[in-house]
Amino acid sequence: MKSLKRLRQARGLSLRALAEETGLPRESIARFERPATDPKASTLRVLARALRVPVCALFEEETPHATHRPRRRR
């Protein structure tokens, strides 16, 4: 969940601070930030609440800032 780390850092929170705010172990949050481990739905709600984002924001992929040009009509 790369977005978890990005959201945590955007809020200026360390792993320790997020752990204290959520009551989750710091080590668990660090594992969730790696792609190998997925948290349970109840844990996602706790993380989202602490980060003040909707749960779906934890799944948003970071996209490159490419410019999108609409196709020309012929």
Protein backbone atom coordinates (compact mmCIF):
# COMPACT_ATOMS: atom_id res chain seq x y z
CA MET A 1 0.00 0.00 0.00
CA LYS A 2 2.26 2.72 -1.26
CA SER A 3 -0.57 5.17 -0.77
CA LEU A 4 -0.56 4.51 2.99
CA LYS A 5 3.04 5.68 3.27
CA ARG A 6 2.38 8.64 0.97
CA LEU A 7 -0.68 9.71 2.99
CA ARG A 8 1.14 9.27 6.30
CA GLN A 9 4.06 11.38 5.12
CA ALA A 10 1.74 14.02 3.64
CA ARG A 11 0.19 14.44 7.10
CA GLY A 12 3.68 14.77 8.58
CA LEU A 13 3.30 11.65 10.71
CA SER A 14 6.07 9.23 11.58
CA LEU A 15 5.37 5.53 11.87
CA ARG A 16 5.48 5.93 15.65
CA ALA A 17 3.01 8.83 15.63
CA LEU A 18 0.54 6.95 13.43
CA ALA A 19 0.92 3.89 15.63
CA GLU A 20 0.13 5.94 18.73
CA GLU A 21 -2.86 7.57 17.06
CA THR A 22 -4.32 4.26 15.84
CA GLY A 23 -3.27 1.94 18.64
CA LEU A 24 -1.71 -0.38 16.05
CA PRO A 25 1.84 -1.70 16.40
CA ARG A 26 4.43 0.36 14.50
CA GLU A 27 5.79 -2.83 12.95
CA SER A 28 2.36 -3.70 11.54
CA ILE A 29 1.97 -0.29 9.92
CA ALA A 30 5.45 -0.64 8.40
CA ARG A 31 4.41 -4.03 6.95
CA PHE A 32 1.22 -2.54 5.50
CA GLU A 33 3.29 0.08 3.70
CA ARG A 34 5.06 -2.73 1.85
CA PRO A 35 3.14 -4.50 -0.89
CA ALA A 36 3.44 -7.95 0.70
CA THR A 37 0.93 -7.48 3.54
CA ASP A 38 -2.68 -6.30 3.39
CA PRO A 39 -4.55 -5.20 6.53
CA LYS A 40 -8.04 -6.38 7.49
CA ALA A 41 -11.02 -4.16 6.66
CA SER A 42 -11.36 -3.04 10.28
CA THR A 43 -7.69 -2.00 10.30
CA LEU A 44 -8.18 -0.07 7.07
CA ARG A 45 -10.99 1.90 8.72
CA VAL A 46 -8.78 2.73 11.71
CA LEU A 47 -5.93 3.88 9.46
CA ALA A 48 -8.23 5.94 7.24
CA ARG A 49 -9.83 7.62 10.25
CA ALA A 50 -6.42 8.53 11.69
CA LEU A 51 -5.26 9.91 8.33
CA ARG A 52 -8.58 11.73 7.84
CA VAL A 53 -9.20 10.18 4.42
CA PRO A 54 -11.82 7.82 3.03
CA VAL A 55 -10.81 4.15 3.00
CA CYS A 56 -10.71 4.18 -0.80
CA ALA A 57 -7.82 6.71 -0.65
CA LEU A 58 -5.64 3.94 0.79
CA PHE A 59 -5.97 2.08 -2.52
CA GLU A 60 -5.31 4.95 -4.91
CA GLU A 61 -2.25 4.43 -7.01
CA GLU A 62 0.12 7.29 -7.54
CA THR A 63 0.06 8.12 -11.22
CA PRO A 64 2.74 9.96 -13.15
CA HIS A 65 1.91 13.54 -13.99
CA ALA A 66 1.61 12.95 -17.70
CA THR A 67 -0.43 15.41 -19.64
CA HIS A 68 -3.54 13.95 -21.15
CA ARG A 69 -4.40 15.31 -24.54
CA PRO A 70 -7.87 14.64 -25.88
CA ARG A 71 -8.07 13.08 -29.31
CA ARG A 72 -8.82 15.40 -32.20
CA ARG A 73 -12.10 14.99 -33.97
CA ARG A 74 -11.86 14.35 -37.68
